[in-house]
Amino acid sequence: MKLKKSWDAVKVGEIYPQHYPAGTELEGELLERAKGLGLVESSKEASARKKAEADAAAEAQRLQAEAEADRLKKAAEEEAAEQARAAEEAAAKAAAADGQP
């Protein structure tokens, strides 16, 4: 089980506390003590966290795909505008060439 928040604890038989950052997997007597203090995420909380992470990843992927689609659409519009300008220029040159003696 993982810690919900950071915790400083002293293992049995040791003198100095050790820092355990949030998300650390605990086992043994440290896990039991953390459970007693309400520092360990329950399976319901773990499921909710995993769902939130999955939702966030899906949203990021959707936004990235949307940005890529917008970029491709803009590139296609610029290409079409460039082709239209080139066609107008060619038509203007042809008209000017037809008007010359």
N, C-alpha and C. Protein backbone atom coordinates (compact mmCIF):
# COMPACT_ATOMS: atom_id res chain seq x y z
N MET A 1 0.84 -1.17 0.00
CA MET A 1 0.00 0.00 0.00
C MET A 1 0.89 1.24 0.00
N LYS A 2 0.39 2.32 -0.58
CA LYS A 2 1.17 3.54 -0.73
C LYS A 2 0.77 4.60 0.28
N LEU A 3 1.76 5.42 0.63
CA LEU A 3 1.50 6.55 1.51
C LEU A 3 0.72 7.64 0.78
N LYS A 4 -0.23 8.24 1.47
CA LYS A 4 -0.99 9.35 0.90
C LYS A 4 -0.18 10.64 0.94
N LYS A 5 0.64 10.78 1.97
CA LYS A 5 1.48 11.98 2.09
C LYS A 5 2.81 11.58 2.72
N SER A 6 3.77 12.47 2.64
CA SER A 6 5.10 12.18 3.18
C SER A 6 5.03 11.92 4.67
N TRP A 7 5.98 11.10 5.15
CA TRP A 7 5.97 10.70 6.55
C TRP A 7 7.39 10.45 7.02
N ASP A 8 7.71 10.94 8.20
CA ASP A 8 9.00 10.65 8.83
C ASP A 8 8.75 9.64 9.93
N ALA A 9 9.43 8.50 9.88
CA ALA A 9 9.21 7.44 10.85
C ALA A 9 10.52 6.76 11.19
N VAL A 10 10.54 6.18 12.38
CA VAL A 10 11.71 5.43 12.85
C VAL A 10 11.34 3.96 12.83
N LYS A 11 12.12 3.17 12.08
CA LYS A 11 11.89 1.73 12.04
C LYS A 11 12.25 1.13 13.40
N VAL A 12 11.61 0.02 13.74
CA VAL A 12 11.91 -0.68 14.98
C VAL A 12 13.38 -1.09 14.96
N GLY A 13 14.08 -0.79 16.06
CA GLY A 13 15.48 -1.14 16.19
C GLY A 13 16.43 -0.08 15.68
N GLU A 14 15.90 0.99 15.11
CA GLU A 14 16.75 2.08 14.63
C GLU A 14 16.59 3.29 15.53
N ILE A 15 17.50 4.25 15.38
CA ILE A 15 17.51 5.43 16.24
C ILE A 15 16.97 6.66 15.52
N TYR A 16 17.33 6.81 14.27
CA TYR A 16 17.00 8.03 13.53
C TYR A 16 15.81 7.82 12.60
N PRO A 17 15.00 8.87 12.46
CA PRO A 17 13.86 8.75 11.54
C PRO A 17 14.32 8.76 10.09
N GLN A 18 13.52 8.16 9.27
CA GLN A 18 13.77 8.14 7.83
C GLN A 18 12.57 8.81 7.16
N HIS A 19 12.84 9.54 6.10
CA HIS A 19 11.77 10.23 5.37
C HIS A 19 11.20 9.30 4.30
N TYR A 20 9.88 9.17 4.29
CA TYR A 20 9.19 8.36 3.29
C TYR A 20 8.27 9.30 2.50
N PRO A 21 8.60 9.59 1.24
CA PRO A 21 7.77 10.51 0.45
C PRO A 21 6.42 9.89 0.10
N ALA A 22 5.48 10.73 -0.21
CA ALA A 22 4.15 10.27 -0.64
C ALA A 22 4.30 9.33 -1.82
N GLY A 23 3.52 8.25 -1.82
CA GLY A 23 3.58 7.29 -2.90
C GLY A 23 4.50 6.12 -2.61
N THR A 24 5.24 6.18 -1.49
CA THR A 24 6.15 5.09 -1.13
C THR A 24 5.35 3.84 -0.76
N GLU A 25 5.79 2.70 -1.26
CA GLU A 25 5.19 1.42 -0.90
C GLU A 25 5.75 1.00 0.46
N LEU A 26 4.87 0.72 1.40
CA LEU A 26 5.31 0.30 2.72
C LEU A 26 4.96 -1.16 2.95
N GLU A 27 5.68 -1.76 3.90
CA GLU A 27 5.39 -3.13 4.27
C GLU A 27 5.76 -3.32 5.74
N GLY A 28 5.31 -4.42 6.32
CA GLY A 28 5.65 -4.77 7.69
C GLY A 28 5.10 -3.83 8.72
N GLU A 29 5.91 -3.61 9.78
CA GLU A 29 5.44 -2.80 10.88
C GLU A 29 5.23 -1.34 10.49
N LEU A 30 5.99 -0.84 9.54
CA LEU A 30 5.77 0.54 9.08
C LEU A 30 4.40 0.68 8.44
N LEU A 31 3.99 -0.31 7.67
CA LEU A 31 2.67 -0.29 7.04
C LEU A 31 1.58 -0.29 8.09
N GLU A 32 1.73 -1.11 9.10
CA GLU A 32 0.72 -1.18 10.16
C GLU A 32 0.61 0.14 10.91
N ARG A 33 1.75 0.76 11.21
CA ARG A 33 1.74 2.05 11.89
C ARG A 33 1.12 3.12 11.01
N ALA A 34 1.46 3.12 9.73
CA ALA A 34 0.91 4.12 8.81
C ALA A 34 -0.60 3.95 8.67
N LYS A 35 -1.06 2.70 8.61
CA LYS A 35 -2.52 2.45 8.56
C LYS A 35 -3.20 3.03 9.79
N GLY A 36 -2.59 2.79 10.94
CA GLY A 36 -3.15 3.30 12.19
C GLY A 36 -3.24 4.81 12.23
N LEU A 37 -2.36 5.47 11.55
CA LEU A 37 -2.35 6.93 11.50
C LEU A 37 -3.18 7.49 10.34
N GLY A 38 -3.72 6.59 9.51
CA GLY A 38 -4.52 7.03 8.37
C GLY A 38 -3.68 7.60 7.24
N LEU A 39 -2.43 7.18 7.14
CA LEU A 39 -1.52 7.72 6.12
C LEU A 39 -1.46 6.89 4.85
N VAL A 40 -2.12 5.72 4.87
CA VAL A 40 -2.06 4.82 3.73
C VAL A 40 -3.35 4.94 2.93
N GLU A 41 -3.19 4.95 1.62
CA GLU A 41 -4.37 5.09 0.76
C GLU A 41 -5.13 3.77 0.72
N SER A 42 -6.45 3.87 0.87
CA SER A 42 -7.29 2.67 0.83
C SER A 42 -7.43 2.20 -0.61
N SER A 43 -7.95 0.99 -0.78
CA SER A 43 -8.12 0.48 -2.14
C SER A 43 -9.10 1.35 -2.92
N LYS A 44 -10.09 1.91 -2.23
CA LYS A 44 -11.04 2.81 -2.90
C LYS A 44 -10.33 4.08 -3.36
N GLU A 45 -9.47 4.62 -2.50
CA GLU A 45 -8.71 5.81 -2.87
C GLU A 45 -7.72 5.51 -3.99
N ALA A 46 -7.11 4.33 -3.94
CA ALA A 46 -6.17 3.94 -5.00
C ALA A 46 -6.89 3.82 -6.33
N SER A 47 -8.09 3.22 -6.32
CA SER A 47 -8.87 3.10 -7.55
C SER A 47 -9.25 4.47 -8.09
N ALA A 48 -9.67 5.36 -7.19
CA ALA A 48 -10.05 6.71 -7.62
C ALA A 48 -8.84 7.45 -8.19
N ARG A 49 -7.66 7.28 -7.56
CA ARG A 49 -6.45 7.94 -8.05
C ARG A 49 -6.07 7.40 -9.43
N LYS A 50 -6.13 6.07 -9.59
CA LYS A 50 -5.79 5.47 -10.88
C LYS A 50 -6.75 5.92 -11.96
N LYS A 51 -8.04 6.03 -11.63
CA LYS A 51 -9.03 6.49 -12.61
C LYS A 51 -8.75 7.94 -12.99
N ALA A 52 -8.44 8.77 -11.99
CA ALA A 52 -8.13 10.17 -12.27
C ALA A 52 -6.89 10.29 -13.16
N GLU A 53 -5.87 9.46 -12.88
CA GLU A 53 -4.66 9.48 -13.71
C GLU A 53 -4.97 9.05 -15.14
N ALA A 54 -5.80 8.00 -15.28
CA ALA A 54 -6.17 7.52 -16.61
C ALA A 54 -6.98 8.58 -17.36
N ASP A 55 -7.90 9.23 -16.65
CA ASP A 55 -8.71 10.28 -17.27
C ASP A 55 -7.83 11.45 -17.72
N ALA A 56 -6.87 11.81 -16.88
CA ALA A 56 -5.97 12.91 -17.23
C ALA A 56 -5.11 12.55 -18.45
N ALA A 57 -4.66 11.32 -18.50
CA ALA A 57 -3.85 10.88 -19.65
C ALA A 57 -4.69 10.88 -20.92
N ALA A 58 -5.94 10.42 -20.82
CA ALA A 58 -6.82 10.41 -21.98
C ALA A 58 -7.12 11.83 -22.45
N GLU A 59 -7.32 12.74 -21.52
CA GLU A 59 -7.59 14.14 -21.88
C GLU A 59 -6.36 14.76 -22.54
N ALA A 60 -5.18 14.47 -22.01
CA ALA A 60 -3.95 15.00 -22.62
C ALA A 60 -3.78 14.46 -24.04
N GLN A 61 -4.09 13.20 -24.23
CA GLN A 61 -3.98 12.59 -25.56
C GLN A 61 -5.00 13.22 -26.51
N ARG A 62 -6.22 13.47 -26.02
CA ARG A 62 -7.26 14.09 -26.84
C ARG A 62 -6.83 15.50 -27.25
N LEU A 63 -6.29 16.26 -26.30
CA LEU A 63 -5.85 17.62 -26.60
C LEU A 63 -4.69 17.63 -27.59
N GLN A 64 -3.79 16.66 -27.45
CA GLN A 64 -2.67 16.57 -28.38
C GLN A 64 -3.17 16.24 -29.78
N ALA A 65 -4.13 15.32 -29.90
CA ALA A 65 -4.69 14.96 -31.20
C ALA A 65 -5.43 16.16 -31.81
N GLU A 66 -6.14 16.89 -30.97
CA GLU A 66 -6.87 18.07 -31.44
C GLU A 66 -5.90 19.14 -31.95
N ALA A 67 -4.81 19.34 -31.23
CA ALA A 67 -3.80 20.32 -31.66
C ALA A 67 -3.16 19.90 -32.98
N GLU A 68 -2.90 18.61 -33.13
CA GLU A 68 -2.31 18.10 -34.38
C GLU A 68 -3.29 18.28 -35.54
N ALA A 69 -4.58 18.02 -35.29
CA ALA A 69 -5.59 18.20 -36.34
C ALA A 69 -5.68 19.68 -36.74
N ASP A 70 -5.63 20.57 -35.77
CA ASP A 70 -5.66 22.01 -36.07
C ASP A 70 -4.43 22.42 -36.89
N ARG A 71 -3.26 21.87 -36.51
CA ARG A 71 -2.04 22.19 -37.24
C ARG A 71 -2.12 21.72 -38.69
N LEU A 72 -2.63 20.50 -38.90
CA LEU A 72 -2.77 19.97 -40.26
C LEU A 72 -3.79 20.77 -41.07
N LYS A 73 -4.87 21.17 -40.41
CA LYS A 73 -5.89 21.96 -41.10
C LYS A 73 -5.31 23.31 -41.53
N LYS A 74 -4.56 23.95 -40.64
CA LYS A 74 -3.95 25.23 -40.97
C LYS A 74 -2.96 25.08 -42.11
N ALA A 75 -2.16 24.01 -42.09
CA ALA A 75 -1.18 23.77 -43.15
C ALA A 75 -1.90 23.56 -44.49
N ALA A 76 -3.01 22.84 -44.47
CA ALA A 76 -3.77 22.59 -45.70
C ALA A 76 -4.37 23.90 -46.23
N GLU A 77 -4.86 24.74 -45.33
CA GLU A 77 -5.42 26.03 -45.74
C GLU A 77 -4.34 26.92 -46.34
N GLU A 78 -3.16 26.93 -45.72
CA GLU A 78 -2.05 27.73 -46.25
C GLU A 78 -1.61 27.22 -47.61
N GLU A 79 -1.58 25.91 -47.79
CA GLU A 79 -1.22 25.31 -49.08
C GLU A 79 -2.25 25.68 -50.15
N ALA A 80 -3.54 25.63 -49.79
CA ALA A 80 -4.59 25.99 -50.74
C ALA A 80 -4.48 27.47 -51.12
N ALA A 81 -4.20 28.32 -50.13
CA ALA A 81 -4.06 29.75 -50.41
C ALA A 81 -2.85 30.00 -51.32
N GLU A 82 -1.77 29.28 -51.08
CA GLU A 82 -0.57 29.43 -51.92
C GLU A 82 -0.86 28.98 -53.35
N GLN A 83 -1.59 27.88 -53.50
CA GLN A 83 -1.95 27.41 -54.84
C GLN A 83 -2.86 28.41 -55.54
N ALA A 84 -3.78 29.02 -54.81
CA ALA A 84 -4.67 30.02 -55.40
C ALA A 84 -3.88 31.24 -55.85
N ARG A 85 -2.92 31.68 -55.03
CA ARG A 85 -2.08 32.83 -55.41
C ARG A 85 -1.26 32.50 -56.66
N ALA A 86 -0.73 31.28 -56.71
CA ALA A 86 0.07 30.88 -57.87
C ALA A 86 -0.80 30.82 -59.12
N ALA A 87 -2.04 30.36 -58.99
CA ALA A 87 -2.95 30.28 -60.14
C ALA A 87 -3.31 31.69 -60.61
N GLU A 88 -3.56 32.60 -59.68
CA GLU A 88 -3.88 33.98 -60.04
C GLU A 88 -2.68 34.64 -60.74
N GLU A 89 -1.50 34.37 -60.23
CA GLU A 89 -0.30 34.94 -60.83
C GLU A 89 -0.09 34.40 -62.24
N ALA A 90 -0.31 33.12 -62.43
CA ALA A 90 -0.16 32.51 -63.76
C ALA A 90 -1.21 33.08 -64.71
N ALA A 91 -2.44 33.27 -64.22
CA ALA A 91 -3.49 33.84 -65.06
C ALA A 91 -3.17 35.27 -65.44
N ALA A 92 -2.63 36.03 -64.51
CA ALA A 92 -2.26 37.43 -64.78
C ALA A 92 -1.14 37.49 -65.81
N LYS A 93 -0.16 36.58 -65.70
CA LYS A 93 0.94 36.55 -66.67
C LYS A 93 0.42 36.15 -68.07
N ALA A 94 -0.50 35.19 -68.10
CA ALA A 94 -1.06 34.75 -69.37
C ALA A 94 -1.86 35.89 -70.01
N ALA A 95 -2.61 36.61 -69.18
CA ALA A 95 -3.39 37.74 -69.71
C ALA A 95 -2.47 38.83 -70.23
N ALA A 96 -1.39 39.06 -69.52
CA ALA A 96 -0.43 40.09 -69.96
C ALA A 96 0.26 39.64 -71.22
N ALA A 97 0.55 38.38 -71.36
CA ALA A 97 1.21 37.86 -72.56
C ALA A 97 0.26 37.91 -73.75
N ASP A 98 -1.03 37.68 -73.55
CA ASP A 98 -2.00 37.76 -74.62
C ASP A 98 -2.19 39.20 -75.09
N GLY A 99 -2.00 40.15 -74.20
CA GLY A 99 -2.20 41.56 -74.55
C GLY A 99 -0.99 42.18 -75.23
N GLN A 100 0.17 41.52 -75.26
CA GLN A 100 1.36 42.06 -75.90
C GLN A 100 1.34 41.80 -77.38
N PRO A 101 1.82 42.76 -78.18
CA PRO A 101 1.85 42.55 -79.65
C PRO A 101 2.91 41.59 -80.12
